[in-house]
N, C-alpha and C. Protein backbone atom coordinates (compact mmCIF):
# COMPACT_ATOMS: atom_id res chain seq x y z
N UNK A 1 50.09 109.28 145.16
CA UNK A 1 50.89 110.39 144.72
C UNK A 1 52.35 109.96 144.63
N UNK A 2 53.04 110.49 143.66
CA UNK A 2 54.44 110.18 143.41
C UNK A 2 55.24 111.48 143.48
N UNK A 3 56.39 111.43 144.15
CA UNK A 3 57.25 112.61 144.14
C UNK A 3 58.65 112.22 143.70
N UNK A 4 59.33 113.16 143.07
CA UNK A 4 60.71 112.95 142.64
C UNK A 4 61.62 113.21 143.83
N UNK A 5 62.41 112.21 144.20
CA UNK A 5 63.36 112.34 145.30
C UNK A 5 64.68 112.90 144.78
N UNK A 6 65.11 112.40 143.62
CA UNK A 6 66.38 112.81 143.04
C UNK A 6 66.34 112.54 141.54
N UNK A 7 67.04 113.39 140.79
CA UNK A 7 67.17 113.20 139.34
C UNK A 7 68.64 113.05 138.99
N UNK A 8 68.90 112.32 137.91
CA UNK A 8 70.26 112.06 137.45
C UNK A 8 70.34 112.30 135.95
N UNK A 9 71.54 112.53 135.46
CA UNK A 9 71.76 112.70 134.03
C UNK A 9 70.78 113.72 133.43
N UNK A 10 70.86 114.94 133.94
CA UNK A 10 69.99 116.04 133.47
C UNK A 10 68.52 115.68 133.51
N UNK A 11 68.10 115.08 134.59
CA UNK A 11 66.70 114.71 134.85
C UNK A 11 66.16 113.62 133.94
N UNK A 12 67.03 112.91 133.23
CA UNK A 12 66.57 111.79 132.41
C UNK A 12 66.15 110.61 133.29
N UNK A 13 66.96 110.30 134.29
CA UNK A 13 66.71 109.21 135.23
C UNK A 13 66.15 109.83 136.50
N UNK A 14 65.11 109.20 137.05
CA UNK A 14 64.47 109.78 138.23
C UNK A 14 64.27 108.72 139.31
N UNK A 15 64.61 109.09 140.54
CA UNK A 15 64.30 108.27 141.70
C UNK A 15 63.01 108.82 142.28
N UNK A 16 61.99 107.98 142.32
CA UNK A 16 60.66 108.40 142.74
C UNK A 16 60.31 107.76 144.08
N UNK A 17 59.46 108.45 144.84
CA UNK A 17 58.96 107.88 146.09
C UNK A 17 57.45 107.79 146.01
N UNK A 18 56.94 106.62 146.35
CA UNK A 18 55.50 106.40 146.36
C UNK A 18 54.95 106.74 147.74
N UNK A 19 53.76 107.31 147.75
CA UNK A 19 53.13 107.66 149.02
C UNK A 19 52.58 106.40 149.68
N UNK A 20 52.89 106.25 150.96
CA UNK A 20 52.46 105.06 151.72
C UNK A 20 51.46 105.48 152.79
N UNK A 21 50.34 104.80 152.82
CA UNK A 21 49.29 105.06 153.81
C UNK A 21 49.27 103.89 154.79
N UNK A 22 49.68 104.15 156.03
CA UNK A 22 49.76 103.09 157.04
C UNK A 22 48.70 103.28 158.11
N UNK A 23 48.21 102.17 158.63
CA UNK A 23 47.33 102.18 159.79
C UNK A 23 47.53 100.86 160.54
N UNK A 24 46.67 100.60 161.50
CA UNK A 24 46.86 99.41 162.34
C UNK A 24 46.76 98.10 161.56
N UNK A 25 46.15 98.14 160.38
CA UNK A 25 46.01 96.92 159.56
C UNK A 25 47.25 96.62 158.75
N UNK A 26 48.05 97.66 158.49
CA UNK A 26 49.21 97.51 157.62
C UNK A 26 49.38 98.78 156.80
N UNK A 27 49.45 98.64 155.49
CA UNK A 27 49.63 99.82 154.64
C UNK A 27 49.02 99.60 153.26
N UNK A 28 48.88 100.73 152.54
CA UNK A 28 48.42 100.73 151.15
C UNK A 28 49.35 101.66 150.37
N UNK A 29 49.80 101.19 149.21
CA UNK A 29 50.63 101.99 148.31
C UNK A 29 50.07 101.85 146.91
N UNK A 30 49.82 102.97 146.26
CA UNK A 30 49.45 102.95 144.84
C UNK A 30 50.76 102.84 144.07
N UNK A 31 51.04 101.67 143.51
CA UNK A 31 52.37 101.43 142.93
C UNK A 31 52.52 101.92 141.50
N UNK A 32 51.42 102.23 140.83
CA UNK A 32 51.51 102.74 139.45
C UNK A 32 50.29 103.59 139.15
N UNK A 33 50.53 104.80 138.65
CA UNK A 33 49.44 105.68 138.25
C UNK A 33 49.94 106.51 137.06
N UNK A 34 49.42 106.23 135.89
CA UNK A 34 49.86 106.89 134.66
C UNK A 34 49.73 108.41 134.76
N UNK A 35 48.59 108.89 135.29
CA UNK A 35 48.36 110.34 135.38
C UNK A 35 49.38 111.01 136.30
N UNK A 36 49.69 110.39 137.43
CA UNK A 36 50.68 110.97 138.34
C UNK A 36 52.07 110.99 137.71
N UNK A 37 52.42 109.94 137.00
CA UNK A 37 53.72 109.92 136.31
C UNK A 37 53.79 111.00 135.25
N UNK A 38 52.71 111.17 134.52
CA UNK A 38 52.68 112.19 133.46
C UNK A 38 52.89 113.59 134.05
N UNK A 39 52.33 113.84 135.23
CA UNK A 39 52.49 115.14 135.89
C UNK A 39 53.95 115.46 136.21
N UNK A 40 54.76 114.43 136.41
CA UNK A 40 56.17 114.67 136.73
C UNK A 40 57.08 114.41 135.51
N UNK A 41 56.47 114.36 134.33
CA UNK A 41 57.26 114.30 133.10
C UNK A 41 57.54 112.93 132.54
N UNK A 42 56.88 111.91 133.07
CA UNK A 42 57.06 110.54 132.55
C UNK A 42 55.76 110.14 131.87
N UNK A 43 55.74 110.24 130.55
CA UNK A 43 54.49 109.97 129.83
C UNK A 43 54.53 108.66 129.05
N UNK A 44 55.43 107.77 129.43
CA UNK A 44 55.52 106.46 128.79
C UNK A 44 54.34 105.59 129.20
N UNK A 45 53.91 104.75 128.28
CA UNK A 45 52.98 103.68 128.62
C UNK A 45 53.80 102.44 128.90
N UNK A 46 53.39 101.66 129.86
CA UNK A 46 54.11 100.44 130.22
C UNK A 46 53.25 99.23 129.89
N UNK A 47 53.87 98.24 129.23
CA UNK A 47 53.13 97.12 128.65
C UNK A 47 53.42 95.77 129.29
N UNK A 48 54.50 95.67 130.05
CA UNK A 48 54.86 94.36 130.60
C UNK A 48 55.39 94.54 132.01
N UNK A 49 54.97 93.65 132.91
CA UNK A 49 55.49 93.60 134.27
C UNK A 49 56.38 92.37 134.41
N UNK A 50 57.52 92.55 135.06
CA UNK A 50 58.47 91.45 135.26
C UNK A 50 58.89 91.38 136.72
N UNK A 51 59.24 90.18 137.16
CA UNK A 51 59.82 89.98 138.47
C UNK A 51 61.12 89.20 138.32
N UNK A 52 62.08 89.56 139.13
CA UNK A 52 63.37 88.88 139.15
C UNK A 52 63.65 88.49 140.59
N UNK A 53 63.70 87.19 140.87
CA UNK A 53 63.99 86.71 142.22
C UNK A 53 65.40 86.14 142.25
N UNK A 54 66.18 86.56 143.22
CA UNK A 54 67.55 86.06 143.39
C UNK A 54 67.68 85.47 144.79
N UNK A 55 68.05 84.20 144.86
CA UNK A 55 68.18 83.50 146.14
C UNK A 55 69.35 84.01 146.96
N UNK A 56 70.44 84.36 146.27
CA UNK A 56 71.69 84.61 146.98
C UNK A 56 72.14 86.06 146.96
N UNK A 57 72.68 86.49 148.09
CA UNK A 57 73.35 87.78 148.15
C UNK A 57 74.51 87.75 147.15
N UNK A 58 74.76 88.87 146.50
CA UNK A 58 75.87 88.95 145.55
C UNK A 58 75.54 88.50 144.15
N UNK A 59 74.25 88.26 143.87
CA UNK A 59 73.84 87.89 142.52
C UNK A 59 73.79 89.15 141.66
N UNK A 60 74.46 89.09 140.51
CA UNK A 60 74.47 90.23 139.59
C UNK A 60 73.65 89.89 138.36
N UNK A 61 72.86 90.86 137.93
CA UNK A 61 72.09 90.74 136.69
C UNK A 61 72.34 92.00 135.88
N UNK A 62 72.80 91.83 134.66
CA UNK A 62 73.01 93.00 133.80
C UNK A 62 74.43 93.05 133.29
N UNK A 63 74.64 94.05 132.56
CA UNK A 63 73.90 95.28 132.24
C UNK A 63 73.09 95.04 130.97
N UNK A 64 71.81 95.29 130.99
CA UNK A 64 70.92 94.94 129.89
C UNK A 64 70.27 96.16 129.24
N UNK A 65 70.07 96.03 127.93
CA UNK A 65 69.28 96.98 127.15
C UNK A 65 68.56 96.21 126.05
N UNK A 66 67.59 96.85 125.45
CA UNK A 66 67.00 96.35 124.21
C UNK A 66 67.19 97.42 123.15
N UNK A 67 67.60 97.00 121.97
CA UNK A 67 67.87 97.95 120.89
C UNK A 67 66.60 98.24 120.09
N UNK A 68 66.71 99.24 119.24
CA UNK A 68 65.62 99.65 118.35
C UNK A 68 65.21 98.48 117.48
N UNK A 69 63.96 98.22 117.25
CA UNK A 69 62.79 99.03 117.58
C UNK A 69 62.13 98.66 118.92
N UNK A 70 62.79 97.81 119.71
CA UNK A 70 62.17 97.29 120.93
C UNK A 70 62.72 97.93 122.20
N UNK A 71 63.16 99.19 122.08
CA UNK A 71 63.64 99.93 123.25
C UNK A 71 62.71 99.73 124.44
N UNK A 72 63.28 99.72 125.65
CA UNK A 72 62.47 99.61 126.86
C UNK A 72 62.88 100.66 127.89
N UNK A 73 61.93 101.49 128.28
CA UNK A 73 62.09 102.29 129.49
C UNK A 73 61.60 101.41 130.63
N UNK A 74 62.06 101.69 131.85
CA UNK A 74 61.73 100.81 132.97
C UNK A 74 61.36 101.60 134.22
N UNK A 75 60.47 101.01 135.00
CA UNK A 75 60.17 101.45 136.36
C UNK A 75 60.57 100.29 137.27
N UNK A 76 61.55 100.49 138.13
CA UNK A 76 62.16 99.41 138.90
C UNK A 76 61.93 99.64 140.39
N UNK A 77 61.51 98.58 141.08
CA UNK A 77 61.36 98.67 142.54
C UNK A 77 61.74 97.34 143.17
N UNK A 78 62.02 97.38 144.45
CA UNK A 78 62.38 96.17 145.20
C UNK A 78 61.22 95.83 146.13
N UNK A 79 60.71 94.63 145.98
CA UNK A 79 59.59 94.17 146.81
C UNK A 79 60.07 93.44 148.05
N UNK A 80 61.26 92.83 147.95
CA UNK A 80 61.84 92.13 149.10
C UNK A 80 63.36 92.18 148.96
N UNK A 81 64.04 92.50 150.05
CA UNK A 81 65.50 92.53 150.02
C UNK A 81 66.04 93.89 149.67
N UNK A 82 67.20 93.89 148.99
CA UNK A 82 67.91 95.14 148.70
C UNK A 82 68.86 94.91 147.53
N UNK A 83 69.05 95.96 146.71
CA UNK A 83 69.97 95.88 145.58
C UNK A 83 70.79 97.16 145.45
N UNK A 84 71.95 97.00 144.85
CA UNK A 84 72.68 98.15 144.34
C UNK A 84 72.32 98.20 142.86
N UNK A 85 71.60 99.23 142.48
CA UNK A 85 71.13 99.38 141.10
C UNK A 85 72.10 100.29 140.35
N UNK A 86 72.52 99.85 139.17
CA UNK A 86 73.49 100.59 138.37
C UNK A 86 72.87 100.91 137.02
N UNK A 87 73.04 102.15 136.58
CA UNK A 87 72.53 102.53 135.26
C UNK A 87 73.61 103.31 134.52
N UNK A 88 73.71 103.01 133.21
CA UNK A 88 74.79 103.53 132.37
C UNK A 88 74.19 104.29 131.20
N UNK A 89 74.67 105.49 130.97
CA UNK A 89 74.23 106.30 129.83
C UNK A 89 74.81 105.69 128.55
N UNK A 90 73.95 105.25 127.64
CA UNK A 90 74.42 104.68 126.37
C UNK A 90 74.04 105.56 125.18
N UNK A 91 73.71 106.83 125.46
CA UNK A 91 73.40 107.78 124.38
C UNK A 91 74.72 108.22 123.76
N UNK A 92 75.00 107.75 122.56
CA UNK A 92 76.30 108.01 121.93
C UNK A 92 76.58 109.49 121.71
N UNK A 93 75.55 110.31 121.57
CA UNK A 93 75.74 111.74 121.35
C UNK A 93 75.77 112.54 122.65
N UNK A 94 75.77 111.86 123.77
CA UNK A 94 75.72 112.51 125.08
C UNK A 94 77.12 112.77 125.63
N UNK A 95 77.26 113.87 126.35
CA UNK A 95 78.53 114.17 127.03
C UNK A 95 78.81 113.15 128.13
N UNK A 96 77.77 112.48 128.59
CA UNK A 96 77.94 111.51 129.67
C UNK A 96 77.87 110.06 129.17
N UNK A 97 78.09 109.86 127.86
CA UNK A 97 78.09 108.50 127.31
C UNK A 97 79.11 107.63 128.08
N UNK A 98 78.66 106.46 128.51
CA UNK A 98 79.53 105.53 129.22
C UNK A 98 79.66 105.80 130.71
N UNK A 99 79.10 106.89 131.17
CA UNK A 99 79.13 107.20 132.60
C UNK A 99 78.02 106.41 133.29
N UNK A 100 78.26 106.08 134.55
CA UNK A 100 77.26 105.32 135.31
C UNK A 100 77.02 105.97 136.67
N UNK A 101 75.88 105.66 137.22
CA UNK A 101 75.54 106.05 138.59
C UNK A 101 74.90 104.86 139.26
N UNK A 102 74.80 104.94 140.59
CA UNK A 102 74.27 103.83 141.38
C UNK A 102 73.31 104.37 142.44
N UNK A 103 72.31 103.57 142.76
CA UNK A 103 71.43 103.85 143.89
C UNK A 103 71.14 102.52 144.60
N UNK A 104 70.91 102.61 145.88
CA UNK A 104 70.47 101.44 146.63
C UNK A 104 68.95 101.49 146.70
N UNK A 105 68.33 100.40 146.31
CA UNK A 105 66.88 100.26 146.43
C UNK A 105 66.61 99.12 147.41
N UNK A 106 65.66 99.34 148.32
CA UNK A 106 65.31 98.30 149.28
C UNK A 106 63.81 98.30 149.52
N UNK A 107 63.34 97.20 150.03
CA UNK A 107 61.90 97.03 150.18
C UNK A 107 61.26 98.07 151.09
N UNK A 108 61.98 98.59 152.05
CA UNK A 108 61.39 99.48 153.04
C UNK A 108 61.30 100.94 152.61
N UNK A 109 61.87 101.30 151.46
CA UNK A 109 61.94 102.73 151.14
C UNK A 109 60.85 103.26 150.20
N UNK A 110 60.04 102.40 149.60
CA UNK A 110 58.98 102.84 148.68
C UNK A 110 59.50 103.62 147.48
N UNK A 111 60.72 103.33 147.06
CA UNK A 111 61.30 104.01 145.91
C UNK A 111 61.07 103.22 144.63
N UNK A 112 60.96 103.97 143.55
CA UNK A 112 60.88 103.41 142.20
C UNK A 112 61.89 104.18 141.37
N UNK A 113 62.68 103.47 140.60
CA UNK A 113 63.66 104.11 139.73
C UNK A 113 63.11 104.11 138.31
N UNK A 114 63.04 105.31 137.71
CA UNK A 114 62.63 105.42 136.30
C UNK A 114 63.88 105.52 135.44
N UNK A 115 64.01 104.58 134.50
CA UNK A 115 65.11 104.59 133.53
C UNK A 115 64.55 104.72 132.13
N UNK A 116 64.93 105.76 131.39
CA UNK A 116 64.52 105.82 130.00
C UNK A 116 65.26 104.76 129.19
N UNK A 117 64.80 104.51 127.99
CA UNK A 117 65.30 103.40 127.17
C UNK A 117 66.77 103.49 126.82
N UNK A 118 67.36 104.66 126.89
CA UNK A 118 68.75 104.82 126.45
C UNK A 118 69.75 104.73 127.61
N UNK A 119 69.39 103.95 128.63
CA UNK A 119 70.27 103.66 129.75
C UNK A 119 70.30 102.16 129.98
N UNK A 120 71.52 101.61 130.04
CA UNK A 120 71.66 100.19 130.37
C UNK A 120 71.40 100.02 131.87
N UNK A 121 70.93 98.82 132.23
CA UNK A 121 70.53 98.59 133.61
C UNK A 121 71.09 97.27 134.13
N UNK A 122 71.53 97.30 135.38
CA UNK A 122 71.96 96.09 136.06
C UNK A 122 71.89 96.29 137.55
N UNK A 123 71.97 95.19 138.29
CA UNK A 123 71.96 95.30 139.75
C UNK A 123 72.67 94.12 140.38
N UNK A 124 73.09 94.34 141.63
CA UNK A 124 73.68 93.29 142.46
C UNK A 124 72.86 93.22 143.74
N UNK A 125 72.46 92.00 144.12
CA UNK A 125 71.66 91.85 145.33
C UNK A 125 72.53 92.05 146.58
N UNK A 126 71.97 92.74 147.55
CA UNK A 126 72.66 93.01 148.80
C UNK A 126 72.13 92.15 149.94
N UNK A 127 71.09 91.36 149.64
CA UNK A 127 70.50 90.45 150.63
C UNK A 127 70.09 89.17 149.92
N UNK A 128 70.00 88.10 150.69
CA UNK A 128 69.43 86.86 150.16
C UNK A 128 67.95 87.06 149.88
N UNK A 129 67.41 86.25 148.99
CA UNK A 129 65.96 86.23 148.70
C UNK A 129 65.43 87.61 148.32
N UNK A 130 66.06 88.20 147.34
CA UNK A 130 65.66 89.54 146.88
C UNK A 130 64.73 89.43 145.68
N UNK A 131 63.65 90.20 145.73
CA UNK A 131 62.66 90.22 144.66
C UNK A 131 62.59 91.63 144.08
N UNK A 132 62.90 91.73 142.79
CA UNK A 132 62.87 93.00 142.06
C UNK A 132 61.71 92.95 141.08
N UNK A 133 60.97 94.05 141.02
CA UNK A 133 59.83 94.15 140.11
C UNK A 133 60.09 95.31 139.16
N UNK A 134 59.76 95.11 137.89
CA UNK A 134 59.91 96.23 136.97
C UNK A 134 58.91 96.18 135.84
N UNK A 135 58.45 97.36 135.50
CA UNK A 135 57.55 97.56 134.37
C UNK A 135 58.40 97.97 133.18
N UNK A 136 58.00 97.55 131.98
CA UNK A 136 58.74 97.95 130.78
C UNK A 136 57.78 98.57 129.77
N UNK A 137 58.33 99.50 129.00
CA UNK A 137 57.52 100.23 128.02
C UNK A 137 57.44 99.51 126.68
N UNK A 138 58.01 98.32 126.62
CA UNK A 138 57.92 97.51 125.41
C UNK A 138 58.04 96.05 125.84
N UNK A 139 57.64 95.16 124.97
CA UNK A 139 57.69 93.74 125.27
C UNK A 139 59.11 93.21 125.16
N UNK A 140 59.40 92.17 125.90
CA UNK A 140 60.72 91.54 125.83
C UNK A 140 60.91 90.92 124.46
N UNK A 141 62.08 91.16 123.89
CA UNK A 141 62.42 90.63 122.57
C UNK A 141 63.85 90.07 122.63
N UNK A 142 64.01 88.75 122.75
CA UNK A 142 65.35 88.17 122.86
C UNK A 142 66.30 88.58 121.75
N UNK A 143 65.80 88.72 120.54
CA UNK A 143 66.70 89.06 119.43
C UNK A 143 67.18 90.52 119.47
N UNK A 144 66.48 91.36 120.24
CA UNK A 144 66.87 92.77 120.36
C UNK A 144 67.59 93.07 121.68
N UNK A 145 67.78 92.06 122.48
CA UNK A 145 68.44 92.25 123.77
C UNK A 145 69.96 92.30 123.59
N UNK A 146 70.58 93.21 124.33
CA UNK A 146 72.04 93.34 124.32
C UNK A 146 72.50 93.38 125.78
N UNK A 147 73.56 92.64 126.06
CA UNK A 147 74.17 92.67 127.39
C UNK A 147 75.54 93.33 127.28
N UNK A 148 75.77 94.31 128.14
CA UNK A 148 77.06 94.98 128.23
C UNK A 148 77.82 94.35 129.40
N UNK A 149 79.12 94.15 129.23
CA UNK A 149 79.95 93.55 130.27
C UNK A 149 79.81 94.32 131.58
N UNK A 150 79.48 93.61 132.63
CA UNK A 150 79.37 94.25 133.94
C UNK A 150 80.74 94.74 134.42
N UNK A 151 81.80 94.11 133.93
CA UNK A 151 83.16 94.48 134.36
C UNK A 151 83.97 95.16 133.25
N UNK A 152 83.27 95.81 132.33
CA UNK A 152 83.93 96.54 131.25
C UNK A 152 84.87 97.59 131.84
N UNK A 153 86.14 97.53 131.45
CA UNK A 153 87.13 98.48 131.99
C UNK A 153 86.78 99.93 131.70
N UNK A 154 86.16 100.18 130.56
CA UNK A 154 85.78 101.57 130.22
C UNK A 154 84.73 102.12 131.18
N UNK A 155 83.85 101.25 131.66
CA UNK A 155 82.80 101.70 132.58
C UNK A 155 83.34 101.89 133.99
N UNK A 156 84.29 101.04 134.38
CA UNK A 156 84.93 101.14 135.69
C UNK A 156 83.91 101.18 136.84
N UNK A 157 82.95 100.27 136.80
CA UNK A 157 81.93 100.20 137.85
C UNK A 157 82.51 99.48 139.06
N UNK A 158 82.39 100.11 140.21
CA UNK A 158 82.81 99.49 141.47
C UNK A 158 81.60 98.76 142.06
N UNK A 159 81.55 97.47 141.83
CA UNK A 159 80.46 96.66 142.35
C UNK A 159 80.73 96.36 143.83
N UNK A 160 79.69 96.03 144.59
CA UNK A 160 79.91 95.75 146.02
C UNK A 160 80.76 94.49 146.23
N UNK A 161 81.41 94.43 147.36
CA UNK A 161 82.28 93.29 147.68
C UNK A 161 81.51 91.97 147.75
N UNK A 162 80.22 92.03 147.98
CA UNK A 162 79.42 90.80 148.07
C UNK A 162 79.20 90.14 146.71
N UNK A 163 79.54 90.82 145.61
CA UNK A 163 79.34 90.26 144.28
C UNK A 163 80.03 88.91 144.18
N UNK A 164 79.28 87.92 143.69
CA UNK A 164 79.81 86.57 143.56
C UNK A 164 79.62 86.12 142.12
N UNK A 165 80.70 86.04 141.36
CA UNK A 165 80.60 85.73 139.93
C UNK A 165 80.11 84.31 139.66
N UNK A 166 80.08 83.45 140.66
CA UNK A 166 79.56 82.10 140.41
C UNK A 166 78.05 82.12 140.15
N UNK A 167 77.39 83.21 140.48
CA UNK A 167 75.95 83.34 140.23
C UNK A 167 75.63 84.02 138.90
N UNK A 168 76.64 84.37 138.12
CA UNK A 168 76.40 85.03 136.83
C UNK A 168 75.81 84.06 135.81
N UNK A 169 74.86 84.56 135.04
CA UNK A 169 74.35 83.77 133.92
C UNK A 169 75.38 83.79 132.80
N UNK A 170 75.27 82.86 131.86
CA UNK A 170 76.17 82.84 130.70
C UNK A 170 76.05 84.15 129.93
N UNK A 171 74.83 84.63 129.80
CA UNK A 171 74.58 85.88 129.07
C UNK A 171 75.32 87.05 129.72
N UNK A 172 75.27 87.13 131.04
CA UNK A 172 75.92 88.23 131.74
C UNK A 172 77.44 88.08 131.79
N UNK A 173 77.95 86.85 131.77
CA UNK A 173 79.40 86.61 131.71
C UNK A 173 79.98 87.04 130.38
N UNK A 174 79.19 86.92 129.32
CA UNK A 174 79.69 87.12 127.96
C UNK A 174 79.17 88.38 127.29
N UNK A 175 78.96 89.42 128.07
CA UNK A 175 78.46 90.68 127.52
C UNK A 175 79.47 91.35 126.60
N UNK A 176 78.97 92.33 125.87
CA UNK A 176 79.82 93.11 124.96
C UNK A 176 80.43 94.29 125.70
N UNK A 177 81.51 94.80 125.15
CA UNK A 177 82.09 96.04 125.63
C UNK A 177 81.18 97.19 125.20
N UNK A 178 81.18 98.27 125.95
CA UNK A 178 80.37 99.43 125.56
C UNK A 178 80.83 99.96 124.20
N UNK A 179 82.08 99.76 123.84
CA UNK A 179 82.58 100.19 122.53
C UNK A 179 81.95 99.41 121.38
N UNK A 180 81.38 98.25 121.68
CA UNK A 180 80.77 97.42 120.63
C UNK A 180 79.31 97.76 120.36
N UNK A 181 78.77 98.71 121.08
CA UNK A 181 77.35 99.07 120.88
C UNK A 181 77.14 99.72 119.53
C-alpha cells in the first residue's frame, strides 16, 4: 500500500510512503504497484529503472530533464545513504515557473518522490556511498536531455554546505540557464 505524505505544486509532485512489513527476519516492502499508484492519481507507466551511486558526500547531480517527445516522469527513492532532492517547476505557463522545493530522502524512511515530466530534478548527497534508484516513464534519450545550471541565479537554490563542486560532471557544470529553456 502507498500513501501520500505530502503534495507540492498543487499536488503535481507527491511524496509517497511505502508500507513496510517487519518481523524477526527483517522486512518486506512492495516498492512498486501500478494499481496502488493509480488509486492515488498517478497513472503513468514506467519503462526504465535506473540507479545512481555516489561515493562522496556533497556529490551533486542535476538539474536534469528530457524534452518532448521523450519527457520523463520519475519515481525516486534512496536505497542507501541520504540526499537533498531538489525539483524545479519548468511549466512555462505556470504561476510557479522557476520555483523550486526540496525534500530530504534517506534509506530509512521508505519514501518515494513522484515527479511529473515538467519538473527538473537534481540532488546532492548528504552521506558517502549513497545509492539512488528511480523509475522513468520514458527511455533515456541523450539527444533530448537538458541540464539546467544547478547554480542558476534565477533559481536561487540554497544547496547544502557539503556540496563539493569538484565532484560535478562536465554536463552538470555546463548547464543552461532556466531562461534558455
